[in-house]
Protein backbone atom coordinates (compact mmCIF):
# COMPACT_ATOMS: atom_id res chain seq x y z
CA MET A 1 0.12 0.09 -0.16
CA LYS A 2 2.66 2.46 0.75
CA ASN A 3 4.38 1.67 -2.70
CA SER A 4 1.20 2.65 -4.39
CA THR A 5 0.64 5.96 -2.50
CA VAL A 6 4.68 6.98 -3.30
CA VAL A 7 3.84 6.03 -7.27
CA ASN A 8 0.61 8.09 -7.26
CA ILE A 9 2.75 11.25 -5.41
CA VAL A 10 5.20 10.62 -8.35
CA LEU A 11 2.81 10.70 -10.83
CA GLY A 12 0.70 13.65 -9.61
CA LEU A 13 4.12 15.49 -9.25
CA ALA A 14 4.91 14.75 -13.14
CA VAL A 15 1.36 15.50 -14.37
CA ALA A 16 1.89 18.87 -12.34
CA GLY A 17 5.08 19.36 -13.96
CA LEU A 18 3.87 18.57 -17.42
CA TYR A 19 1.08 21.28 -17.05
CA ILE A 20 3.30 23.99 -15.85
CA ILE A 21 5.77 23.44 -18.91
CA TYR A 22 2.69 23.37 -21.19
CA PHE A 23 0.98 26.15 -20.03
CA SER A 24 3.86 28.57 -19.29
CA GLY A 25 4.80 28.69 -22.98
CA ASN A 26 7.78 26.82 -22.99
CA HIS A 27 6.30 24.19 -25.38
CA LYS A 28 7.05 24.28 -28.93
CA ASP A 29 3.90 25.35 -31.28
CA LYS A 30 3.49 22.46 -34.05
CA SER A 31 2.46 25.01 -36.47
CA THR A 32 5.81 26.83 -36.50
CA PRO A 33 7.26 26.86 -39.90
CA PRO A 34 10.39 25.04 -40.80
CA SER A 35 13.33 26.87 -40.21
CA ASN A 36 15.40 28.26 -43.15
CA SER A 37 18.89 27.84 -44.08
CA ASN A 38 19.94 30.38 -41.62
CA GLY A 39 18.56 28.30 -39.09
CA THR A 40 15.79 30.48 -38.11
CA ASN A 41 12.01 29.86 -37.84
CA ASN A 42 11.41 32.58 -40.67
CA PRO A 43 9.33 30.94 -43.44
CA LEU A 44 11.52 30.05 -46.51
CA SER A 45 11.92 32.30 -49.39
CA ILE A 46 11.14 30.16 -52.42
CA ALA A 47 11.10 31.74 -56.16
CA TYR A 48 10.81 29.64 -59.53
CA VAL A 49 11.60 30.08 -63.23
CA LYS A 50 9.79 28.81 -66.23
CA MET A 51 12.52 27.21 -68.12
CA ASP A 52 10.67 26.98 -71.38
CA SER A 53 10.03 30.74 -71.55
CA MET A 54 13.54 31.36 -70.30
CA LEU A 55 14.89 29.43 -73.20
CA PHE A 56 12.98 31.27 -75.91
CA THR A 57 14.31 34.68 -74.60
CA TYR A 58 17.78 34.07 -73.44
CA GLU A 59 19.99 35.25 -75.85
CA LEU A 60 22.90 32.41 -75.50
CA ALA A 61 20.06 29.71 -75.85
CA LYS A 62 18.89 31.54 -79.21
CA LYS A 63 22.22 31.91 -80.68
CA LEU A 64 23.34 28.16 -80.00
CA ASN A 65 20.05 26.82 -81.15
CA GLY A 66 20.08 28.87 -84.27
CA GLU A 67 23.66 27.85 -85.08
CA PHE A 68 22.51 23.92 -84.34
CA ALA A 69 19.41 24.58 -86.82
CA GLU A 70 21.71 25.79 -89.52
CA LYS A 71 24.27 22.66 -88.82
CA LYS A 72 21.08 20.29 -88.73
CA GLU A 73 20.20 21.80 -92.29
CA THR A 74 23.44 21.48 -93.73
CA PHE A 75 23.40 17.78 -92.76
CA ARG A 76 20.19 17.13 -94.01
CA LYS A 77 20.99 18.51 -97.29
CA GLU A 78 24.37 16.61 -97.52
CA TYR A 79 22.26 13.22 -96.77
CA THR A 80 19.48 14.26 -99.09
CA ASP A 81 21.53 14.96 -102.25
CA LYS A 82 23.60 11.72 -101.82
CA ARG A 83 20.18 9.93 -101.00
CA MET A 84 18.73 11.51 -104.30
CA LYS A 85 21.83 10.64 -106.48
CA PHE A 86 21.77 6.99 -105.11
CA GLU A 87 18.18 6.67 -106.13
CA ARG A 88 18.85 8.42 -109.57
CA ASP A 89 21.66 5.79 -109.82
CA ALA A 90 19.76 3.13 -109.03
CA ALA A 91 16.71 3.90 -111.29
CA SER A 92 19.30 4.08 -114.12
CA PHE A 93 20.68 0.60 -113.01
CA GLN A 94 17.01 -1.00 -113.25
CA GLU A 95 16.24 0.53 -116.51
CA LYS A 96 19.53 -0.38 -118.10
CA VAL A 97 19.07 -4.02 -116.80
CA GLN A 98 15.46 -4.12 -118.51
CA ARG A 99 16.66 -3.06 -121.82
CA GLY A 100 19.66 -5.18 -121.72
CA GLY A 101 22.04 -2.21 -121.68
CA PHE A 102 24.98 -3.82 -120.20
CA LEU A 103 27.33 -5.67 -122.34
CA THR A 104 28.16 -8.72 -120.08
CA GLU A 105 26.72 -9.84 -116.88
CA GLU A 106 29.91 -9.21 -114.99
CA ARG A 107 29.73 -5.45 -115.72
CA ALA A 108 25.91 -5.64 -114.42
CA LYS A 109 27.01 -7.38 -111.08
CA GLN A 110 29.98 -4.78 -110.58
CA GLU A 111 27.11 -2.06 -111.00
CA GLN A 112 24.96 -3.82 -108.54
CA GLU A 113 27.79 -4.18 -106.04
CA ARG A 114 28.91 -0.28 -106.55
CA LEU A 115 25.31 0.59 -105.70
CA VAL A 116 24.84 -1.63 -102.81
CA GLY A 117 27.99 -0.17 -101.44
CA LEU A 118 26.80 3.45 -101.86
CA GLN A 119 23.51 2.38 -99.94
CA GLN A 120 25.55 1.02 -97.16
CA GLU A 121 27.52 4.50 -97.20
CA ILE A 122 24.19 6.42 -97.14
CA GLN A 123 22.72 4.46 -94.20
CA LYS A 124 26.21 4.97 -92.34
CA LEU A 125 26.17 8.68 -93.12
CA ASP A 126 22.64 8.90 -91.78
CA TYR A 127 23.71 7.40 -88.67
CA ASP A 128 26.86 9.02 -88.21
CA LEU A 129 24.63 12.50 -88.67
CA THR A 130 22.12 11.54 -86.52
CA GLN A 131 24.77 10.45 -83.78
CA LYS A 132 26.57 13.79 -84.29
CA LEU A 133 23.44 15.97 -84.13
CA SER A 134 22.51 14.39 -81.03
CA GLU A 135 25.94 14.85 -79.25
CA MET A 136 25.81 18.72 -80.45
CA GLN A 137 22.16 19.07 -78.90
CA ALA A 138 23.39 17.44 -75.71
CA GLN A 139 26.45 19.67 -75.61
CA ILE A 140 24.23 22.96 -76.26
CA ASN A 141 21.70 22.06 -73.67
CA GLN A 142 24.62 21.31 -71.38
CA GLN A 143 26.37 24.66 -71.98
CA ILE A 144 22.90 26.45 -71.29
CA VAL A 145 22.11 25.01 -68.07
CA ASP A 146 25.79 25.43 -67.13
CA SER A 147 25.32 29.13 -67.84
CA ILE A 148 21.94 29.53 -66.17
CA SER A 149 23.28 27.71 -63.24
CA SER A 150 26.42 29.73 -62.96
CA TYR A 151 24.26 33.02 -63.35
CA LEU A 152 21.78 31.77 -60.59
CA LYS A 153 24.55 31.55 -58.00
CA SER A 154 25.83 34.77 -58.44
CA PHE A 155 21.98 36.09 -58.57
CA ASN A 156 21.38 34.14 -55.53
CA ALA A 157 24.13 35.61 -53.62
CA VAL A 158 22.47 38.92 -53.68
CA LYS A 159 19.00 37.82 -53.31
CA LYS A 160 18.99 35.32 -50.78
CA TYR A 161 16.53 32.39 -51.60
CA ASP A 162 16.06 29.29 -50.04
CA LEU A 163 14.94 27.73 -53.15
CA ILE A 164 14.47 28.58 -56.89
CA LEU A 165 12.75 26.01 -58.43
CA ASN A 166 12.05 25.05 -62.17
CA SER A 167 8.38 25.45 -62.97
CA GLN A 168 8.34 22.33 -65.09
CA SER A 169 8.64 20.24 -61.89
CA MET A 170 5.88 22.18 -60.06
CA LEU A 171 2.26 21.66 -60.27
CA GLU A 172 1.12 25.05 -59.06
CA GLY A 173 2.96 28.47 -58.14
CA SER A 174 1.78 31.99 -57.75
CA ALA A 175 2.72 34.49 -60.13
CA GLN A 176 4.27 36.85 -57.16
CA PHE A 177 7.35 34.26 -56.98
CA ASN A 178 8.03 33.76 -60.71
CA ILE A 179 11.45 35.35 -61.29
CA THR A 180 11.82 34.44 -64.81
CA LYS A 181 11.82 37.80 -66.58
CA GLU A 182 14.39 39.07 -64.07
CA VAL A 183 16.63 36.20 -64.25
CA THR A 184 16.52 36.16 -68.33
CA GLN A 185 17.13 39.89 -68.30
CA GLY A 186 20.34 39.17 -65.78
CA LEU A 187 21.55 36.55 -68.29
CA ASN A 188 20.91 38.56 -71.21
CA ASP A 189 22.64 41.52 -70.16
CA ARG A 190 25.81 39.17 -68.67
CA PHE A 191 25.62 37.56 -72.33
CA LYS A 192 25.70 41.01 -74.28
CA SER A 193 28.67 42.15 -71.77
CA LEU A 194 30.42 38.94 -72.49
CA SER A 195 29.77 39.00 -76.35
CA ARG A 196 31.46 42.51 -76.77
């Protein structure tokens, strides 16, 4: 019986202590926003950019993509010219075979082998140009991403955002947090100063 009285007294003191702690303001409010990078309980400072809009207005991206489009067109023309020549040669070969225009069967076989080799060259050219264009596009994309990332580091050293998001990975965002125009203007100013 003595033991239960001691336990009741200890439990009573513990409950009283918790009551005092809770109502004296020393408890943490569960609705406190998460602390920011400085360790304070201020709300996080967040902004976002619309990357697709930025790529249409960022001068470096426009320049690099324009150069890429020119090279792509040059490659396409080179491939098309060779493909058309092959098709003309193949049609001429078929016509010649049908009217018996080859003096010997050996000569017709040589021409056929030449055309097969030419067709393989065109297929290899198509593959090589596709690979080259893919690599060029990847390099351009990386150069643009590196440029934007580098600028955002210096931009954020002044602005002090805790997070800068890409709107493509967001579901919803208030326009007041959209810094696309400001970032694009800074990127273009930096590009113009470096291009002089």
